[in-house]
Amino acid sequence: MKPLKVLSDLIPIPSYTVIILCFFFPFFLIKCGDTTLMSIKGTDLVTGVSKQAMNERMKENLKKSSPFGSAFGNDSGNQSSNSDSEYSPLNESNNKKDKENIPPSPLIIIAFLAAIVGIIIQVIKSIKKKYMYHIAISLVGLISLLTFYLTFQSKMEGLGNNQVGMGLGGNMTISYGFGTAFYVCGALFLLVFLFYGVFSYYLKNDPGAIYDSSNQRTEP
């Protein structure tokens, strides 16, 4: 069996599986210098996440990694409550805005479902011409992530690097960016798309590059 055929059977499931696993890692990051203040996972963008939960994550990250972490050490009484309110860069005050959800992103949901569908198609043996499905699925996933990326980039251009008061006699610079997991997802969708594009080309123009000459047939 030729290498292209072997790869066509091996690439889909590992690629789509890694894509799905990447959704459990940060897709979007909020940083102060090299310190990550808060991360939004791919699953957060699939299910939605509350602003209150985002604030809590930021407080926890600040307690663990920020040089101002000691300011968060006291968890008792009104002083702790006031400190959390003062130092939380995403603080919206204790009103209904804290309970509002950042809604799920349809584009991220599409990319997530595309990876799941890709695995299902690969494991169902009765499906014919699987390479065509993989081309379509990977293209849909790639376009969804790219559109999400460009949309967020346009929004972040307006945000810039925000100076947020910490109540300690100075400000810190908050920057926004995408996590490694997001780029890995995009790269794997692109890999699958390019591979099956090449596979499709050779299948139509040079089947001998895929199958042994004694066993050339239409791709199942």
C-alpha atoms as a PDB file:
ATOM      1  CA  MET A   1       0.000   0.000   0.000  1.00  0.00           C
ATOM      2  CA  LYS A   2       1.358   3.404  -1.001  1.00  0.00           C
ATOM      3  CA  PRO A   3       2.258   6.065   1.620  1.00  0.00           C
ATOM      4  CA  LEU A   4      -0.508   8.446   0.543  1.00  0.00           C
ATOM      5  CA  LYS A   5      -3.126   5.771   1.117  1.00  0.00           C
ATOM      6  CA  VAL A   6      -1.655   4.859   4.509  1.00  0.00           C
ATOM      7  CA  LEU A   7      -1.624   8.499   5.584  1.00  0.00           C
ATOM      8  CA  SER A   8      -5.186   9.006   4.380  1.00  0.00           C
ATOM      9  CA  ASP A   9      -6.279   6.339   6.860  1.00  0.00           C
ATOM     10  CA  LEU A  10      -4.099   7.584   9.722  1.00  0.00           C
ATOM     11  CA  ILE A  11      -4.334  11.385   9.637  1.00  0.00           C
ATOM     12  CA  PRO A  12      -8.031  12.126  10.351  1.00  0.00           C
ATOM     13  CA  ILE A  13      -8.673  10.620  13.787  1.00  0.00           C
ATOM     14  CA  PRO A  14      -5.460  11.853  15.500  1.00  0.00           C
ATOM     15  CA  SER A  15      -5.838  15.312  13.932  1.00  0.00           C
ATOM     16  CA  TYR A  16      -9.482  15.768  14.881  1.00  0.00           C
ATOM     17  CA  THR A  17      -8.853  14.298  18.344  1.00  0.00           C
ATOM     18  CA  VAL A  18      -6.066  16.795  19.047  1.00  0.00           C
ATOM     19  CA  ILE A  19      -8.324  19.603  17.805  1.00  0.00           C
ATOM     20  CA  ILE A  20     -11.050  18.564  20.257  1.00  0.00           C
ATOM     21  CA  LEU A  21      -8.529  18.316  23.118  1.00  0.00           C
ATOM     22  CA  CYS A  22      -7.270  21.809  22.304  1.00  0.00           C
ATOM     23  CA  PHE A  23     -10.716  23.165  23.176  1.00  0.00           C
ATOM     24  CA  PHE A  24      -9.966  22.346  26.818  1.00  0.00           C
ATOM     25  CA  PHE A  25      -6.993  24.720  26.749  1.00  0.00           C
ATOM     26  CA  PRO A  26      -6.880  28.532  26.520  1.00  0.00           C
ATOM     27  CA  PHE A  27      -8.068  29.994  23.226  1.00  0.00           C
ATOM     28  CA  PHE A  28      -7.911  33.588  24.405  1.00  0.00           C
ATOM     29  CA  LEU A  29      -5.582  35.207  26.922  1.00  0.00           C
ATOM     30  CA  ILE A  30      -5.516  38.413  28.922  1.00  0.00           C
ATOM     31  CA  LYS A  31      -1.999  39.249  30.121  1.00  0.00           C
ATOM     32  CA  CYS A  32      -0.022  41.762  32.073  1.00  0.00           C
ATOM     33  CA  GLY A  33       3.439  41.518  30.567  1.00  0.00           C
ATOM     34  CA  ASP A  34       4.385  37.842  30.766  1.00  0.00           C
ATOM     35  CA  THR A  35       1.821  37.107  33.478  1.00  0.00           C
ATOM     36  CA  THR A  36      -1.458  35.536  32.366  1.00  0.00           C
ATOM     37  CA  LEU A  37      -4.267  37.217  34.255  1.00  0.00           C
ATOM     38  CA  MET A  38      -7.081  35.221  32.743  1.00  0.00           C
ATOM     39  CA  SER A  39      -7.657  32.634  30.040  1.00  0.00           C
ATOM     40  CA  ILE A  40     -10.773  31.688  28.120  1.00  0.00           C
ATOM     41  CA  LYS A  41     -10.870  28.063  27.017  1.00  0.00           C
ATOM     42  CA  GLY A  42     -12.342  26.827  23.775  1.00  0.00           C
ATOM     43  CA  THR A  43     -15.064  25.111  25.779  1.00  0.00           C
ATOM     44  CA  ASP A  44     -15.966  28.483  27.306  1.00  0.00           C
ATOM     45  CA  LEU A  45     -16.557  29.798  23.807  1.00  0.00           C
ATOM     46  CA  VAL A  46     -18.684  26.735  23.016  1.00  0.00           C
ATOM     47  CA  THR A  47     -20.882  26.858  26.125  1.00  0.00           C
ATOM     48  CA  GLY A  48     -20.595  30.514  27.113  1.00  0.00           C
ATOM     49  CA  VAL A  49     -19.074  31.933  30.300  1.00  0.00           C
ATOM     50  CA  SER A  50     -20.279  34.463  32.861  1.00  0.00           C
ATOM     51  CA  LYS A  51     -18.420  37.693  33.530  1.00  0.00           C
ATOM     52  CA  GLN A  52     -18.477  36.835  37.200  1.00  0.00           C
ATOM     53  CA  ALA A  53     -16.651  33.568  36.493  1.00  0.00           C
ATOM     54  CA  MET A  54     -14.096  35.470  34.407  1.00  0.00           C
ATOM     55  CA  ASN A  55     -13.496  37.883  37.268  1.00  0.00           C
ATOM     56  CA  GLU A  56     -13.018  35.009  39.694  1.00  0.00           C
ATOM     57  CA  ARG A  57     -10.474  33.374  37.389  1.00  0.00           C
ATOM     58  CA  MET A  58      -8.562  36.607  37.116  1.00  0.00           C
ATOM     59  CA  LYS A  59      -8.484  37.037  40.878  1.00  0.00           C
ATOM     60  CA  GLU A  60      -7.180  33.500  41.321  1.00  0.00           C
ATOM     61  CA  ASN A  61      -4.462  34.012  38.713  1.00  0.00           C
ATOM     62  CA  LEU A  62      -3.437  37.270  40.333  1.00  0.00           C
ATOM     63  CA  LYS A  63      -3.213  35.566  43.727  1.00  0.00           C
ATOM     64  CA  LYS A  64      -0.964  32.846  42.296  1.00  0.00           C
ATOM     65  CA  SER A  65       1.338  34.689  39.926  1.00  0.00           C
ATOM     66  CA  SER A  66       1.090  38.439  40.352  1.00  0.00           C
ATOM     67  CA  PRO A  67       3.623  40.383  42.422  1.00  0.00           C
ATOM     68  CA  PHE A  68       0.516  41.927  43.987  1.00  0.00           C
ATOM     69  CA  GLY A  69      -0.731  38.488  45.029  1.00  0.00           C
ATOM     70  CA  SER A  70      -0.254  39.256  48.714  1.00  0.00           C
ATOM     71  CA  ALA A  71      -2.879  41.951  48.390  1.00  0.00           C
ATOM     72  CA  PHE A  72      -5.377  39.160  47.772  1.00  0.00           C
ATOM     73  CA  GLY A  73      -4.274  36.994  50.646  1.00  0.00           C
ATOM     74  CA  ASN A  74      -6.875  38.157  53.163  1.00  0.00           C
ATOM     75  CA  ASP A  75     -10.128  36.342  52.421  1.00  0.00           C
ATOM     76  CA  SER A  76     -12.057  37.483  55.504  1.00  0.00           C
ATOM     77  CA  GLY A  77     -14.384  40.355  56.218  1.00  0.00           C
ATOM     78  CA  ASN A  78     -15.247  43.388  54.187  1.00  0.00           C
ATOM     79  CA  GLN A  79     -11.582  44.229  53.621  1.00  0.00           C
ATOM     80  CA  SER A  80     -11.159  41.148  51.409  1.00  0.00           C
ATOM     81  CA  SER A  81     -14.325  41.932  49.530  1.00  0.00           C
ATOM     82  CA  ASN A  82     -13.212  45.491  48.936  1.00  0.00           C
ATOM     83  CA  SER A  83      -9.751  44.359  47.836  1.00  0.00           C
ATOM     84  CA  ASP A  84     -11.147  41.902  45.316  1.00  0.00           C
ATOM     85  CA  SER A  85     -13.406  44.601  43.967  1.00  0.00           C
ATOM     86  CA  GLU A  86     -10.589  47.123  43.758  1.00  0.00           C
ATOM     87  CA  TYR A  87      -7.956  44.909  42.195  1.00  0.00           C
ATOM     88  CA  SER A  88     -10.091  42.989  39.690  1.00  0.00           C
ATOM     89  CA  PRO A  89      -9.369  44.532  36.253  1.00  0.00           C
ATOM     90  CA  LEU A  90     -12.614  43.140  34.866  1.00  0.00           C
ATOM     91  CA  ASN A  91     -14.703  44.269  37.820  1.00  0.00           C
ATOM     92  CA  GLU A  92     -18.248  45.284  36.891  1.00  0.00           C
ATOM     93  CA  SER A  93     -19.409  45.778  40.511  1.00  0.00           C
ATOM     94  CA  ASN A  94     -21.896  43.525  42.255  1.00  0.00           C
ATOM     95  CA  ASN A  95     -24.845  44.137  40.004  1.00  0.00           C
ATOM     96  CA  LYS A  96     -26.703  42.280  37.300  1.00  0.00           C
ATOM     97  CA  LYS A  97     -23.861  42.763  34.814  1.00  0.00           C
ATOM     98  CA  ASP A  98     -21.763  40.287  36.824  1.00  0.00           C
ATOM     99  CA  LYS A  99     -24.362  37.633  36.100  1.00  0.00           C
ATOM    100  CA  GLU A 100     -24.542  38.253  32.366  1.00  0.00           C
ATOM    101  CA  ASN A 101     -23.029  35.577  30.177  1.00  0.00           C
ATOM    102  CA  ILE A 102     -20.590  36.029  27.353  1.00  0.00           C
ATOM    103  CA  PRO A 103     -22.614  34.012  24.837  1.00  0.00           C
ATOM    104  CA  PRO A 104     -21.283  30.978  22.983  1.00  0.00           C
ATOM    105  CA  SER A 105     -19.542  31.758  19.705  1.00  0.00           C
ATOM    106  CA  PRO A 106     -21.312  30.118  16.716  1.00  0.00           C
ATOM    107  CA  LEU A 107     -18.016  30.099  14.802  1.00  0.00           C
ATOM    108  CA  ILE A 108     -16.200  28.195  17.555  1.00  0.00           C
ATOM    109  CA  ILE A 109     -19.141  25.809  17.923  1.00  0.00           C
ATOM    110  CA  ILE A 110     -18.981  25.071  14.180  1.00  0.00           C
ATOM    111  CA  ALA A 111     -15.249  24.324  14.401  1.00  0.00           C
ATOM    112  CA  PHE A 112     -15.791  22.051  17.412  1.00  0.00           C
ATOM    113  CA  LEU A 113     -18.612  20.147  15.725  1.00  0.00           C
ATOM    114  CA  ALA A 114     -16.580  19.855  12.517  1.00  0.00           C
ATOM    115  CA  ALA A 115     -13.870  17.941  14.389  1.00  0.00           C
ATOM    116  CA  ILE A 116     -16.449  15.611  15.946  1.00  0.00           C
ATOM    117  CA  VAL A 117     -18.126  14.970  12.591  1.00  0.00           C
ATOM    118  CA  GLY A 118     -14.714  14.280  11.037  1.00  0.00           C
ATOM    119  CA  ILE A 119     -14.055  11.486  13.542  1.00  0.00           C
ATOM    120  CA  ILE A 120     -17.529  10.001  13.033  1.00  0.00           C
ATOM    121  CA  ILE A 121     -17.124   9.949   9.249  1.00  0.00           C
ATOM    122  CA  GLN A 122     -13.720   8.299   9.503  1.00  0.00           C
ATOM    123  CA  VAL A 123     -14.901   5.459  11.770  1.00  0.00           C
ATOM    124  CA  ILE A 124     -17.999   4.631   9.676  1.00  0.00           C
ATOM    125  CA  LYS A 125     -16.674   2.167   7.126  1.00  0.00           C
ATOM    126  CA  SER A 126     -19.718   2.292   4.856  1.00  0.00           C
ATOM    127  CA  ILE A 127     -19.153   5.951   3.890  1.00  0.00           C
ATOM    128  CA  LYS A 128     -17.716   6.322   0.397  1.00  0.00           C
ATOM    129  CA  LYS A 129     -15.178   8.912  -0.755  1.00  0.00           C
ATOM    130  CA  LYS A 130     -14.262   9.998   2.741  1.00  0.00           C
ATOM    131  CA  TYR A 131     -11.568  12.312   1.402  1.00  0.00           C
ATOM    132  CA  MET A 132     -14.267  14.593   0.001  1.00  0.00           C
ATOM    133  CA  TYR A 133     -15.899  14.864   3.408  1.00  0.00           C
ATOM    134  CA  HIS A 134     -12.585  15.604   5.065  1.00  0.00           C
ATOM    135  CA  ILE A 135     -11.850  18.373   2.578  1.00  0.00           C
ATOM    136  CA  ALA A 136     -15.236  19.963   3.301  1.00  0.00           C
ATOM    137  CA  ILE A 137     -15.033  19.479   7.078  1.00  0.00           C
ATOM    138  CA  SER A 138     -11.499  20.833   7.440  1.00  0.00           C
ATOM    139  CA  LEU A 139     -12.336  23.799   5.215  1.00  0.00           C
ATOM    140  CA  VAL A 140     -15.412  24.628   7.298  1.00  0.00           C
ATOM    141  CA  GLY A 141     -13.395  24.371  10.517  1.00  0.00           C
ATOM    142  CA  LEU A 142     -10.556  26.473   9.132  1.00  0.00           C
ATOM    143  CA  ILE A 143     -12.862  29.197   7.810  1.00  0.00           C
ATOM    144  CA  SER A 144     -14.751  29.298  11.126  1.00  0.00           C
ATOM    145  CA  LEU A 145     -11.566  29.776  13.154  1.00  0.00           C
ATOM    146  CA  LEU A 146     -10.150  32.292  10.693  1.00  0.00           C
ATOM    147  CA  THR A 147     -13.359  34.328  10.722  1.00  0.00           C
ATOM    148  CA  PHE A 148     -13.415  34.247  14.527  1.00  0.00           C
ATOM    149  CA  TYR A 149      -9.763  35.344  14.600  1.00  0.00           C
ATOM    150  CA  LEU A 150     -10.272  38.253  12.206  1.00  0.00           C
ATOM    151  CA  THR A 151     -13.446  39.361  13.993  1.00  0.00           C
ATOM    152  CA  PHE A 152     -11.732  39.369  17.377  1.00  0.00           C
ATOM    153  CA  GLN A 153      -8.652  41.074  15.990  1.00  0.00           C
ATOM    154  CA  SER A 154     -10.781  43.918  14.681  1.00  0.00           C
ATOM    155  CA  LYS A 155     -12.393  44.290  18.110  1.00  0.00           C
ATOM    156  CA  MET A 156      -9.048  44.166  19.908  1.00  0.00           C
ATOM    157  CA  GLU A 157      -7.641  46.925  17.715  1.00  0.00           C
ATOM    158  CA  GLY A 158     -10.130  49.219  19.359  1.00  0.00           C
ATOM    159  CA  LEU A 159      -9.202  47.979  22.831  1.00  0.00           C
ATOM    160  CA  GLY A 160      -5.447  48.314  22.433  1.00  0.00           C
ATOM    161  CA  ASN A 161      -3.315  47.895  25.554  1.00  0.00           C
ATOM    162  CA  ASN A 162      -5.438  49.114  28.435  1.00  0.00           C
ATOM    163  CA  GLN A 163      -3.982  50.808  31.499  1.00  0.00           C
ATOM    164  CA  VAL A 164      -5.824  49.426  34.515  1.00  0.00           C
ATOM    165  CA  GLY A 165      -5.480  50.938  37.974  1.00  0.00           C
ATOM    166  CA  MET A 166      -4.440  48.489  40.683  1.00  0.00           C
ATOM    167  CA  GLY A 167      -4.985  50.789  43.633  1.00  0.00           C
ATOM    168  CA  LEU A 168      -1.335  50.487  44.656  1.00  0.00           C
ATOM    169  CA  GLY A 169      -0.035  53.768  43.337  1.00  0.00           C
ATOM    170  CA  GLY A 170       0.368  52.647  39.734  1.00  0.00           C
ATOM    171  CA  ASN A 171      -1.189  51.079  36.683  1.00  0.00           C
ATOM    172  CA  MET A 172      -0.596  47.861  34.793  1.00  0.00           C
ATOM    173  CA  THR A 173      -0.889  47.271  31.047  1.00  0.00           C
ATOM    174  CA  ILE A 174      -3.434  44.668  29.987  1.00  0.00           C
ATOM    175  CA  SER A 175      -2.879  42.988  26.619  1.00  0.00           C
ATOM    176  CA  TYR A 176      -5.121  40.593  24.712  1.00  0.00           C
ATOM    177  CA  GLY A 177      -4.131  37.660  22.499  1.00  0.00           C
ATOM    178  CA  PHE A 178      -4.877  34.147  21.299  1.00  0.00           C
ATOM    179  CA  GLY A 179      -3.573  31.022  22.996  1.00  0.00           C
ATOM    180  CA  THR A 180      -1.407  28.320  21.454  1.00  0.00           C
ATOM    181  CA  ALA A 181      -4.322  25.862  21.432  1.00  0.00           C
ATOM    182  CA  PHE A 182      -6.267  28.124  19.072  1.00  0.00           C
ATOM    183  CA  TYR A 183      -3.398  28.192  16.580  1.00  0.00           C
ATOM    184  CA  VAL A 184      -2.890  24.427  16.852  1.00  0.00           C
ATOM    185  CA  CYS A 185      -6.543  23.884  15.913  1.00  0.00           C
ATOM    186  CA  GLY A 186      -6.191  26.119  12.881  1.00  0.00           C
ATOM    187  CA  ALA A 187      -2.943  24.456  11.825  1.00  0.00           C
ATOM    188  CA  LEU A 188      -4.439  20.963  12.047  1.00  0.00           C
ATOM    189  CA  PHE A 189      -7.524  21.914  10.058  1.00  0.00           C
ATOM    190  CA  LEU A 190      -5.188  23.385   7.438  1.00  0.00           C
ATOM    191  CA  LEU A 191      -3.057  20.218   7.456  1.00  0.00           C
ATOM    192  CA  VAL A 192      -6.068  17.985   6.874  1.00  0.00           C
ATOM    193  CA  PHE A 193      -7.369  20.263   4.125  1.00  0.00           C
ATOM    194  CA  LEU A 194      -4.041  20.409   2.284  1.00  0.00           C
ATOM    195  CA  PHE A 195      -3.380  16.688   2.602  1.00  0.00           C
ATOM    196  CA  TYR A 196      -6.737  15.629   1.233  1.00  0.00           C
ATOM    197  CA  GLY A 197      -6.509  18.273  -1.462  1.00  0.00           C
ATOM    198  CA  VAL A 198      -3.250  16.644  -2.615  1.00  0.00           C
ATOM    199  CA  PHE A 199      -4.809  13.190  -2.149  1.00  0.00           C
ATOM    200  CA  SER A 200      -7.756  14.173  -4.323  1.00  0.00           C
ATOM    201  CA  TYR A 201      -5.444  15.531  -7.027  1.00  0.00           C
ATOM    202  CA  TYR A 202      -3.410  12.318  -7.253  1.00  0.00           C
ATOM    203  CA  LEU A 203      -6.519  10.153  -7.080  1.00  0.00           C
ATOM    204  CA  LYS A 204      -7.901  11.842 -10.182  1.00  0.00           C
ATOM    205  CA  ASN A 205      -4.680  12.359 -12.118  1.00  0.00           C
ATOM    206  CA  ASP A 206      -2.290   9.645 -10.944  1.00  0.00           C
ATOM    207  CA  PRO A 207      -4.019   6.806  -9.046  1.00  0.00           C
ATOM    208  CA  GLY A 208      -0.779   4.837  -9.175  1.00  0.00           C
ATOM    209  CA  ALA A 209       0.660   7.203  -6.573  1.00  0.00           C
ATOM    210  CA  ILE A 210      -2.000   5.959  -4.141  1.00  0.00           C
ATOM    211  CA  TYR A 211      -2.699   2.354  -5.115  1.00  0.00           C
ATOM    212  CA  ASP A 212      -0.522  -0.408  -6.459  1.00  0.00           C
ATOM    213  CA  SER A 213      -0.990  -0.737 -10.218  1.00  0.00           C
ATOM    214  CA  SER A 214      -2.451  -4.201  -9.740  1.00  0.00           C
ATOM    215  CA  ASN A 215      -5.052  -2.930  -7.317  1.00  0.00           C
ATOM    216  CA  GLN A 216      -6.161   0.467  -8.630  1.00  0.00           C
ATOM    217  CA  ARG A 217      -9.768   1.281  -7.840  1.00  0.00           C
ATOM    218  CA  THR A 218     -12.090   4.091  -6.923  1.00  0.00           C
ATOM    219  CA  GLU A 219     -11.472   5.508  -3.461  1.00  0.00           C
ATOM    220  CA  PRO A 220     -14.098   4.098  -1.034  1.00  0.00           C
END
